Amino acid sequence: IFGGYAPRLAKAKEWNLVWFWYLCPGTWFNEAFYTGHIQQFAYLYDQEAAELYTGYTTGRIGLDAGLLLLMGTVYRIIGCSLMVIQARKGSWSFFN
C-alpha cells in the first residue's frame, strides 16, 4: 500500500503525508525500479510528465538503494533487539 503506486506518491504529497510513504522501504524500491526502467527510454517518453504524474524522482538509484539498505538494516536491528529483550524476560506471551 505504501509503495508509491496506489495511491500515487504525487497524491500522498497533496495530502502532506509523503513522509509516511518514505518511511516504508517499498517506496524506495519502487522508485529505483521505476528509474531503472524509464531512463533507458528517456528519448522516447516525456520523463518529466511521468515524474509529475507518479511523484517519483528519477535519476537517483544510488540514493534509493542506499536508503533501502539502511532502512532494512535498522528495521532488522530493532526487530532483533526486541526479540532478545523479550527472550530475556522469559515470557513470549503478550498478555503476561
C-alpha atoms as a PDB file:
ATOM      1  CA  ILE A   1       0.000   0.000   0.000  1.00  0.00           C
ATOM      2  CA  PHE A   2       2.885   2.370   0.742  1.00  0.00           C
ATOM      3  CA  GLY A   3       4.953   1.618  -2.350  1.00  0.00           C
ATOM      4  CA  GLY A   4       4.041   4.858  -4.022  1.00  0.00           C
ATOM      5  CA  TYR A   5       1.860   3.399  -6.748  1.00  0.00           C
ATOM      6  CA  ALA A   6      -1.580   3.078  -5.141  1.00  0.00           C
ATOM      7  CA  PRO A   7      -2.260   5.734  -4.026  1.00  0.00           C
ATOM      8  CA  ARG A   8       0.312   7.519  -6.110  1.00  0.00           C
ATOM      9  CA  LEU A   9       3.163   9.284  -4.391  1.00  0.00           C
ATOM     10  CA  ALA A  10       2.011  12.530  -6.005  1.00  0.00           C
ATOM     11  CA  LYS A  11      -1.354  12.125  -4.246  1.00  0.00           C
ATOM     12  CA  ALA A  12       0.400  11.489  -0.913  1.00  0.00           C
ATOM     13  CA  LYS A  13       2.310  14.743  -1.449  1.00  0.00           C
ATOM     14  CA  GLU A  14      -1.019  16.558  -1.861  1.00  0.00           C
ATOM     15  CA  TRP A  15      -2.179  15.061   1.442  1.00  0.00           C
ATOM     16  CA  ASN A  16       1.084  16.155   3.148  1.00  0.00           C
ATOM     17  CA  LEU A  17       1.679  12.518   4.156  1.00  0.00           C
ATOM     18  CA  VAL A  18       4.642  11.800   1.904  1.00  0.00           C
ATOM     19  CA  TRP A  19       6.884  11.404   4.960  1.00  0.00           C
ATOM     20  CA  PHE A  20       4.910   8.295   5.913  1.00  0.00           C
ATOM     21  CA  TRP A  21       5.397   6.793   2.455  1.00  0.00           C
ATOM     22  CA  TYR A  22       9.139   7.468   2.634  1.00  0.00           C
ATOM     23  CA  LEU A  23       9.358   5.521   5.921  1.00  0.00           C
ATOM     24  CA  CYS A  24       8.437   2.382   4.002  1.00  0.00           C
ATOM     25  CA  PRO A  25      11.170   0.565   2.058  1.00  0.00           C
ATOM     26  CA  GLY A  26       8.753  -0.260  -0.752  1.00  0.00           C
ATOM     27  CA  THR A  27       8.673   3.357  -1.873  1.00  0.00           C
ATOM     28  CA  TRP A  28      12.446   3.482  -2.275  1.00  0.00           C
ATOM     29  CA  PHE A  29      12.499   0.131  -4.082  1.00  0.00           C
ATOM     30  CA  ASN A  30       9.746   1.166  -6.472  1.00  0.00           C
ATOM     31  CA  GLU A  31      11.419   4.487  -7.202  1.00  0.00           C
ATOM     32  CA  ALA A  32      14.716   2.749  -8.055  1.00  0.00           C
ATOM     33  CA  PHE A  33      12.890   0.129 -10.137  1.00  0.00           C
ATOM     34  CA  TYR A  34      10.916   2.815 -11.953  1.00  0.00           C
ATOM     35  CA  THR A  35      14.081   4.827 -12.644  1.00  0.00           C
ATOM     36  CA  GLY A  36      15.864   1.779 -13.988  1.00  0.00           C
ATOM     37  CA  HIS A  37      13.083   1.110 -16.457  1.00  0.00           C
ATOM     38  CA  ILE A  38      12.216   4.658 -17.523  1.00  0.00           C
ATOM     39  CA  GLN A  39      15.721   6.044 -18.072  1.00  0.00           C
ATOM     40  CA  GLN A  40      16.515   3.697 -20.915  1.00  0.00           C
ATOM     41  CA  PHE A  41      13.542   5.086 -22.841  1.00  0.00           C
ATOM     42  CA  ALA A  42      14.077   8.764 -21.943  1.00  0.00           C
ATOM     43  CA  TYR A  43      14.491   9.590 -25.631  1.00  0.00           C
ATOM     44  CA  LEU A  44      11.043   8.191 -26.352  1.00  0.00           C
ATOM     45  CA  TYR A  45       8.874   9.266 -23.417  1.00  0.00           C
ATOM     46  CA  ASP A  46       8.241  12.551 -21.635  1.00  0.00           C
ATOM     47  CA  GLN A  47      10.084  11.712 -18.450  1.00  0.00           C
ATOM     48  CA  GLU A  48       9.186  14.954 -16.654  1.00  0.00           C
ATOM     49  CA  ALA A  49       5.454  14.414 -17.190  1.00  0.00           C
ATOM     50  CA  ALA A  50       5.778  10.872 -15.872  1.00  0.00           C
ATOM     51  CA  GLU A  51       7.585  12.160 -12.785  1.00  0.00           C
ATOM     52  CA  LEU A  52       4.844  14.710 -12.132  1.00  0.00           C
ATOM     53  CA  TYR A  53       2.118  12.092 -12.510  1.00  0.00           C
ATOM     54  CA  THR A  54       3.706   9.391 -10.374  1.00  0.00           C
ATOM     55  CA  GLY A  55       5.518  11.586  -7.869  1.00  0.00           C
ATOM     56  CA  TYR A  56       8.728   9.579  -8.201  1.00  0.00           C
ATOM     57  CA  THR A  57      12.072  11.322  -8.565  1.00  0.00           C
ATOM     58  CA  THR A  58      14.174   9.626 -11.217  1.00  0.00           C
ATOM     59  CA  GLY A  59      17.923   9.530 -11.579  1.00  0.00           C
ATOM     60  CA  ARG A  60      18.900   8.723  -8.015  1.00  0.00           C
ATOM     61  CA  ILE A  61      19.218   4.952  -7.960  1.00  0.00           C
ATOM     62  CA  GLY A  62      22.225   5.141  -5.622  1.00  0.00           C
ATOM     63  CA  LEU A  63      20.274   7.093  -3.017  1.00  0.00           C
ATOM     64  CA  ASP A  64      17.241   4.815  -3.379  1.00  0.00           C
ATOM     65  CA  ALA A  65      19.299   1.639  -2.985  1.00  0.00           C
ATOM     66  CA  GLY A  66      21.345   3.108  -0.135  1.00  0.00           C
ATOM     67  CA  LEU A  67      18.289   4.153   1.843  1.00  0.00           C
ATOM     68  CA  LEU A  68      16.660   0.798   1.166  1.00  0.00           C
ATOM     69  CA  LEU A  69      19.728  -0.965   2.588  1.00  0.00           C
ATOM     70  CA  LEU A  70      19.933   1.410   5.557  1.00  0.00           C
ATOM     71  CA  MET A  71      16.247   1.081   6.408  1.00  0.00           C
ATOM     72  CA  GLY A  72      16.355  -2.696   6.133  1.00  0.00           C
ATOM     73  CA  THR A  73      19.354  -2.836   8.450  1.00  0.00           C
ATOM     74  CA  VAL A  74      17.800  -0.506  11.026  1.00  0.00           C
ATOM     75  CA  TYR A  75      14.471  -2.374  10.978  1.00  0.00           C
ATOM     76  CA  ARG A  76      16.294  -5.686  11.482  1.00  0.00           C
ATOM     77  CA  ILE A  77      18.362  -4.304  14.373  1.00  0.00           C
ATOM     78  CA  ILE A  78      15.196  -3.048  16.051  1.00  0.00           C
ATOM     79  CA  GLY A  79      13.424  -6.360  15.475  1.00  0.00           C
ATOM     80  CA  CYS A  80      16.347  -8.437  16.777  1.00  0.00           C
ATOM     81  CA  SER A  81      16.743  -6.198  19.809  1.00  0.00           C
ATOM     82  CA  LEU A  82      13.078  -6.545  20.680  1.00  0.00           C
ATOM     83  CA  MET A  83      13.247 -10.341  20.308  1.00  0.00           C
ATOM     84  CA  VAL A  84      16.312 -10.530  22.584  1.00  0.00           C
ATOM     85  CA  ILE A  85      14.625  -8.329  25.187  1.00  0.00           C
ATOM     86  CA  GLN A  86      11.502 -10.463  25.041  1.00  0.00           C
ATOM     87  CA  ALA A  87      13.511 -13.691  25.312  1.00  0.00           C
ATOM     88  CA  ARG A  88      15.382 -12.410  28.376  1.00  0.00           C
ATOM     89  CA  LYS A  89      12.095 -11.650  30.088  1.00  0.00           C
ATOM     90  CA  GLY A  90      11.325 -15.356  29.772  1.00  0.00           C
ATOM     91  CA  SER A  91       7.798 -14.901  28.507  1.00  0.00           C
ATOM     92  CA  TRP A  92       6.657 -14.911  24.903  1.00  0.00           C
ATOM     93  CA  SER A  93       3.033 -14.190  25.728  1.00  0.00           C
ATOM     94  CA  PHE A  94       1.767 -10.706  25.041  1.00  0.00           C
ATOM     95  CA  PHE A  95      -0.672 -10.954  27.929  1.00  0.00           C
ATOM     96  CA  ASN A  96       1.785 -11.586  30.803  1.00  0.00           C
END
